[in-house]
Amino acid sequence: MIERVRALLLRRFFERRILPLAASVEPEPAGPGDVPSYYVPRTRAPLGPADLRIPFRDRREIAASLDAHWAHTPLRGLGSAIVRLSRAFGGVRAKERVSSFIYEMF
């Protein structure tokens, strides 16, 4: 369980950074609409774990990379904000057992 201070930090981050983003995006129509199918045949193999490993030296590089990637989007500055928030969660350990309400889909 996340203690009260961390829960407050997460709530504040969500309310100040994430909710405004959600309010600025128009939802896509639910259902197929004019699209005959949402299926898209893949032209390359799915990404594997090695494709997702990026060798950053420190948090500043992570923040700079995310900020550069999101510079001209509504997510501008969110990389630095996430990295700042992550400092409060350095000692958090993952649970050994995952909740039955969480699942993975492949």
N, C-alpha and C. Protein backbone atom coordinates (compact mmCIF):
# COMPACT_ATOMS: atom_id res chain seq x y z
N MET A 1 0.84 -1.18 0.00
CA MET A 1 0.00 0.00 0.00
C MET A 1 0.89 1.25 0.00
N ILE A 2 0.56 2.20 -0.81
CA ILE A 2 1.31 3.45 -0.87
C ILE A 2 0.91 4.31 0.32
N GLU A 3 1.91 4.81 1.04
CA GLU A 3 1.58 5.62 2.20
C GLU A 3 0.95 6.95 1.77
N ARG A 4 0.40 7.63 2.74
CA ARG A 4 -0.40 8.83 2.50
C ARG A 4 0.31 9.92 1.71
N VAL A 5 1.56 10.18 2.02
CA VAL A 5 2.29 11.26 1.35
C VAL A 5 2.45 10.94 -0.14
N ARG A 6 2.82 9.72 -0.45
CA ARG A 6 2.96 9.34 -1.86
C ARG A 6 1.63 9.35 -2.58
N ALA A 7 0.58 8.90 -1.90
CA ALA A 7 -0.75 8.92 -2.50
C ALA A 7 -1.16 10.36 -2.81
N LEU A 8 -0.85 11.28 -1.90
CA LEU A 8 -1.15 12.70 -2.12
C LEU A 8 -0.37 13.24 -3.31
N LEU A 9 0.90 12.88 -3.42
CA LEU A 9 1.71 13.32 -4.56
C LEU A 9 1.13 12.81 -5.88
N LEU A 10 0.73 11.55 -5.90
CA LEU A 10 0.13 10.98 -7.12
C LEU A 10 -1.18 11.69 -7.47
N ARG A 11 -2.01 11.91 -6.46
CA ARG A 11 -3.28 12.58 -6.72
C ARG A 11 -3.06 13.99 -7.25
N ARG A 12 -2.13 14.72 -6.64
CA ARG A 12 -1.84 16.08 -7.08
C ARG A 12 -1.31 16.08 -8.52
N PHE A 13 -0.40 15.14 -8.82
CA PHE A 13 0.14 15.02 -10.18
C PHE A 13 -0.99 14.74 -11.17
N PHE A 14 -1.85 13.81 -10.82
CA PHE A 14 -2.96 13.45 -11.69
C PHE A 14 -3.87 14.64 -11.94
N GLU A 15 -4.23 15.34 -10.87
CA GLU A 15 -5.16 16.46 -11.00
C GLU A 15 -4.55 17.64 -11.77
N ARG A 16 -3.26 17.90 -11.57
CA ARG A 16 -2.63 19.06 -12.20
C ARG A 16 -2.10 18.78 -13.60
N ARG A 17 -1.65 17.55 -13.85
CA ARG A 17 -1.01 17.27 -15.14
C ARG A 17 -1.82 16.38 -16.08
N ILE A 18 -2.51 15.38 -15.55
CA ILE A 18 -3.19 14.41 -16.41
C ILE A 18 -4.63 14.83 -16.73
N LEU A 19 -5.39 15.25 -15.73
CA LEU A 19 -6.78 15.66 -15.99
C LEU A 19 -6.89 16.78 -17.03
N PRO A 20 -6.04 17.82 -16.97
CA PRO A 20 -6.13 18.85 -18.01
C PRO A 20 -5.88 18.29 -19.41
N LEU A 21 -5.01 17.28 -19.53
CA LEU A 21 -4.77 16.66 -20.83
C LEU A 21 -6.03 15.94 -21.32
N ALA A 22 -6.66 15.23 -20.42
CA ALA A 22 -7.86 14.49 -20.79
C ALA A 22 -8.97 15.44 -21.23
N ALA A 23 -9.07 16.57 -20.59
CA ALA A 23 -10.11 17.53 -20.93
C ALA A 23 -9.85 18.19 -22.28
N SER A 24 -8.60 18.20 -22.74
CA SER A 24 -8.27 18.86 -24.00
C SER A 24 -8.38 17.94 -25.20
N VAL A 25 -8.65 16.67 -24.99
CA VAL A 25 -8.71 15.70 -26.08
C VAL A 25 -10.16 15.30 -26.32
N GLU A 26 -10.56 15.35 -27.59
CA GLU A 26 -11.91 14.91 -27.91
C GLU A 26 -11.92 13.39 -28.01
N PRO A 27 -12.89 12.74 -27.39
CA PRO A 27 -12.94 11.29 -27.46
C PRO A 27 -13.26 10.82 -28.88
N GLU A 28 -12.67 9.69 -29.26
CA GLU A 28 -12.97 9.10 -30.56
C GLU A 28 -14.33 8.43 -30.48
N PRO A 29 -15.03 8.39 -31.60
CA PRO A 29 -16.34 7.75 -31.57
C PRO A 29 -16.23 6.28 -31.21
N ALA A 30 -17.16 5.81 -30.39
CA ALA A 30 -17.18 4.40 -30.03
C ALA A 30 -17.90 3.65 -31.13
N GLY A 31 -17.26 2.63 -31.63
CA GLY A 31 -17.87 1.85 -32.71
C GLY A 31 -17.15 2.08 -34.02
N PRO A 32 -17.49 1.30 -35.00
CA PRO A 32 -16.74 1.31 -36.25
C PRO A 32 -16.90 2.57 -37.09
N GLY A 33 -18.01 3.26 -37.05
CA GLY A 33 -18.17 4.46 -37.85
C GLY A 33 -17.98 4.17 -39.33
N ASP A 34 -17.14 4.98 -40.00
CA ASP A 34 -16.91 4.81 -41.43
C ASP A 34 -15.77 3.83 -41.73
N VAL A 35 -15.15 3.30 -40.72
CA VAL A 35 -14.01 2.41 -40.92
C VAL A 35 -14.54 0.97 -41.04
N PRO A 36 -14.22 0.29 -42.16
CA PRO A 36 -14.73 -1.08 -42.30
C PRO A 36 -14.11 -2.06 -41.30
N SER A 37 -12.87 -1.78 -40.89
CA SER A 37 -12.20 -2.67 -39.94
C SER A 37 -11.08 -1.92 -39.23
N TYR A 38 -10.88 -2.23 -37.96
CA TYR A 38 -9.76 -1.65 -37.23
C TYR A 38 -8.54 -2.54 -37.30
N TYR A 39 -8.68 -3.72 -37.90
CA TYR A 39 -7.56 -4.65 -38.03
C TYR A 39 -6.56 -4.08 -39.03
N VAL A 40 -5.30 -4.08 -38.64
CA VAL A 40 -4.22 -3.64 -39.52
C VAL A 40 -3.18 -4.74 -39.58
N PRO A 41 -2.92 -5.29 -40.75
CA PRO A 41 -1.90 -6.34 -40.82
C PRO A 41 -0.51 -5.78 -40.49
N ARG A 42 0.23 -6.49 -39.68
CA ARG A 42 1.57 -6.06 -39.27
C ARG A 42 2.57 -6.33 -40.38
N THR A 43 3.45 -5.37 -40.62
CA THR A 43 4.49 -5.55 -41.64
C THR A 43 5.83 -5.88 -41.01
N ARG A 44 5.90 -5.83 -39.69
CA ARG A 44 7.14 -6.19 -38.99
C ARG A 44 6.80 -7.00 -37.75
N ALA A 45 7.80 -7.63 -37.19
CA ALA A 45 7.59 -8.45 -35.99
C ALA A 45 7.26 -7.56 -34.80
N PRO A 46 6.53 -8.07 -33.83
CA PRO A 46 6.25 -7.28 -32.63
C PRO A 46 7.54 -6.92 -31.88
N LEU A 47 7.48 -5.86 -31.13
CA LEU A 47 8.64 -5.45 -30.34
C LEU A 47 8.89 -6.46 -29.23
N GLY A 48 10.16 -6.68 -28.96
CA GLY A 48 10.55 -7.55 -27.86
C GLY A 48 11.19 -6.75 -26.75
N PRO A 49 11.56 -7.39 -25.64
CA PRO A 49 12.17 -6.67 -24.52
C PRO A 49 13.41 -5.86 -24.92
N ALA A 50 14.22 -6.40 -25.81
CA ALA A 50 15.45 -5.68 -26.22
C ALA A 50 15.11 -4.37 -26.94
N ASP A 51 13.98 -4.33 -27.63
CA ASP A 51 13.59 -3.11 -28.34
C ASP A 51 13.18 -2.00 -27.38
N LEU A 52 12.84 -2.35 -26.17
CA LEU A 52 12.34 -1.37 -25.20
C LEU A 52 13.41 -0.92 -24.21
N ARG A 53 14.60 -1.43 -24.31
CA ARG A 53 15.68 -1.04 -23.40
C ARG A 53 16.48 0.11 -24.02
N ILE A 54 16.49 1.22 -23.35
CA ILE A 54 17.22 2.39 -23.82
C ILE A 54 18.25 2.73 -22.75
N PRO A 55 19.54 2.78 -23.12
CA PRO A 55 20.58 2.98 -22.12
C PRO A 55 20.75 4.44 -21.67
N PHE A 56 19.94 4.87 -20.73
CA PHE A 56 20.08 6.20 -20.16
C PHE A 56 21.07 6.15 -19.00
N ARG A 57 21.85 7.21 -18.83
CA ARG A 57 22.81 7.25 -17.73
C ARG A 57 22.18 7.75 -16.44
N ASP A 58 21.20 8.63 -16.55
CA ASP A 58 20.59 9.17 -15.33
C ASP A 58 19.21 9.72 -15.64
N ARG A 59 18.56 10.21 -14.60
CA ARG A 59 17.20 10.73 -14.74
C ARG A 59 17.11 11.94 -15.64
N ARG A 60 18.17 12.75 -15.64
CA ARG A 60 18.15 13.94 -16.50
C ARG A 60 18.04 13.56 -17.97
N GLU A 61 18.75 12.50 -18.36
CA GLU A 61 18.67 12.04 -19.75
C GLU A 61 17.27 11.53 -20.09
N ILE A 62 16.67 10.83 -19.15
CA ILE A 62 15.31 10.33 -19.38
C ILE A 62 14.35 11.50 -19.56
N ALA A 63 14.42 12.47 -18.65
CA ALA A 63 13.54 13.64 -18.73
C ALA A 63 13.76 14.40 -20.04
N ALA A 64 15.02 14.61 -20.41
CA ALA A 64 15.33 15.35 -21.63
C ALA A 64 14.82 14.61 -22.87
N SER A 65 14.96 13.30 -22.88
CA SER A 65 14.49 12.51 -24.01
C SER A 65 12.97 12.59 -24.16
N LEU A 66 12.26 12.41 -23.05
CA LEU A 66 10.80 12.50 -23.10
C LEU A 66 10.34 13.91 -23.48
N ASP A 67 10.97 14.91 -22.88
CA ASP A 67 10.59 16.29 -23.19
C ASP A 67 10.84 16.63 -24.66
N ALA A 68 11.95 16.15 -25.22
CA ALA A 68 12.23 16.39 -26.63
C ALA A 68 11.21 15.68 -27.51
N HIS A 69 10.87 14.45 -27.15
CA HIS A 69 9.92 13.67 -27.93
C HIS A 69 8.53 14.30 -27.91
N TRP A 70 8.14 14.89 -26.78
CA TRP A 70 6.81 15.45 -26.61
C TRP A 70 6.78 16.98 -26.76
N ALA A 71 7.86 17.58 -27.24
CA ALA A 71 7.99 19.04 -27.25
C ALA A 71 6.84 19.76 -27.94
N HIS A 72 6.35 19.25 -29.03
CA HIS A 72 5.31 19.96 -29.79
C HIS A 72 3.95 19.26 -29.70
N THR A 73 3.70 18.71 -28.52
CA THR A 73 2.43 18.01 -28.28
C THR A 73 1.83 18.53 -26.98
N PRO A 74 0.61 18.14 -26.68
CA PRO A 74 0.03 18.53 -25.39
C PRO A 74 0.80 17.96 -24.19
N LEU A 75 1.66 16.97 -24.43
CA LEU A 75 2.44 16.36 -23.35
C LEU A 75 3.72 17.12 -23.03
N ARG A 76 3.90 18.27 -23.65
CA ARG A 76 5.10 19.09 -23.46
C ARG A 76 5.40 19.28 -21.97
N GLY A 77 6.64 18.96 -21.56
CA GLY A 77 7.08 19.13 -20.18
C GLY A 77 6.70 18.00 -19.24
N LEU A 78 5.93 17.04 -19.72
CA LEU A 78 5.48 15.96 -18.86
C LEU A 78 6.62 15.02 -18.48
N GLY A 79 7.60 14.86 -19.35
CA GLY A 79 8.74 13.99 -19.04
C GLY A 79 9.47 14.44 -17.78
N SER A 80 9.78 15.71 -17.70
CA SER A 80 10.46 16.25 -16.52
C SER A 80 9.58 16.11 -15.28
N ALA A 81 8.28 16.33 -15.45
CA ALA A 81 7.37 16.22 -14.32
C ALA A 81 7.29 14.78 -13.81
N ILE A 82 7.28 13.81 -14.72
CA ILE A 82 7.25 12.40 -14.32
C ILE A 82 8.52 12.02 -13.59
N VAL A 83 9.66 12.48 -14.11
CA VAL A 83 10.94 12.16 -13.46
C VAL A 83 11.01 12.79 -12.07
N ARG A 84 10.52 14.02 -11.92
CA ARG A 84 10.49 14.64 -10.59
C ARG A 84 9.61 13.83 -9.65
N LEU A 85 8.46 13.41 -10.12
CA LEU A 85 7.55 12.61 -9.31
C LEU A 85 8.19 11.28 -8.94
N SER A 86 8.95 10.69 -9.83
CA SER A 86 9.55 9.37 -9.58
C SER A 86 10.52 9.38 -8.41
N ARG A 87 11.09 10.52 -8.09
CA ARG A 87 12.03 10.60 -6.96
C ARG A 87 11.37 10.20 -5.64
N ALA A 88 10.07 10.43 -5.54
CA ALA A 88 9.36 10.10 -4.31
C ALA A 88 9.06 8.61 -4.19
N PHE A 89 9.34 7.84 -5.26
CA PHE A 89 8.99 6.43 -5.27
C PHE A 89 10.20 5.52 -5.41
N GLY A 90 11.37 6.00 -5.03
CA GLY A 90 12.60 5.21 -5.15
C GLY A 90 12.62 3.96 -4.30
N GLY A 91 12.00 3.97 -3.15
CA GLY A 91 12.04 2.82 -2.25
C GLY A 91 10.83 1.91 -2.34
N VAL A 92 9.95 2.16 -3.30
CA VAL A 92 8.75 1.33 -3.42
C VAL A 92 9.10 0.00 -4.04
N ARG A 93 8.60 -1.07 -3.44
CA ARG A 93 8.85 -2.41 -3.96
C ARG A 93 7.57 -2.97 -4.57
N ALA A 94 7.74 -3.71 -5.64
CA ALA A 94 6.58 -4.34 -6.28
C ALA A 94 6.04 -5.46 -5.40
N LYS A 95 4.75 -5.65 -5.45
CA LYS A 95 4.14 -6.76 -4.72
C LYS A 95 4.55 -8.07 -5.39
N GLU A 96 4.66 -9.11 -4.58
CA GLU A 96 5.01 -10.40 -5.14
C GLU A 96 3.81 -11.02 -5.85
N ARG A 97 2.64 -10.71 -5.38
CA ARG A 97 1.43 -11.28 -5.98
C ARG A 97 0.64 -10.15 -6.63
N VAL A 98 0.26 -10.35 -7.87
CA VAL A 98 -0.49 -9.34 -8.60
C VAL A 98 -1.98 -9.54 -8.38
N SER A 99 -2.70 -8.45 -8.26
CA SER A 99 -4.14 -8.51 -8.04
C SER A 99 -4.82 -9.25 -9.17
N SER A 100 -5.86 -9.97 -8.86
CA SER A 100 -6.62 -10.69 -9.88
C SER A 100 -7.41 -9.72 -10.78
N PHE A 101 -7.46 -8.44 -10.39
CA PHE A 101 -8.14 -7.45 -11.22
C PHE A 101 -7.24 -6.91 -12.33
N ILE A 102 -5.97 -7.32 -12.33
CA ILE A 102 -5.01 -6.88 -13.34
C ILE A 102 -4.69 -8.08 -14.23
N TYR A 103 -4.68 -7.87 -15.51
CA TYR A 103 -4.35 -8.96 -16.43
C TYR A 103 -3.52 -8.42 -17.58
N GLU A 104 -2.89 -9.32 -18.29
CA GLU A 104 -2.13 -8.94 -19.48
C GLU A 104 -2.79 -9.58 -20.68
N MET A 105 -2.75 -8.87 -21.78
CA MET A 105 -3.33 -9.40 -23.00
C MET A 105 -2.25 -9.40 -24.08
N PHE A 106 -2.05 -10.52 -24.71
CA PHE A 106 -1.04 -10.61 -25.77
C PHE A 106 -1.69 -11.00 -27.07
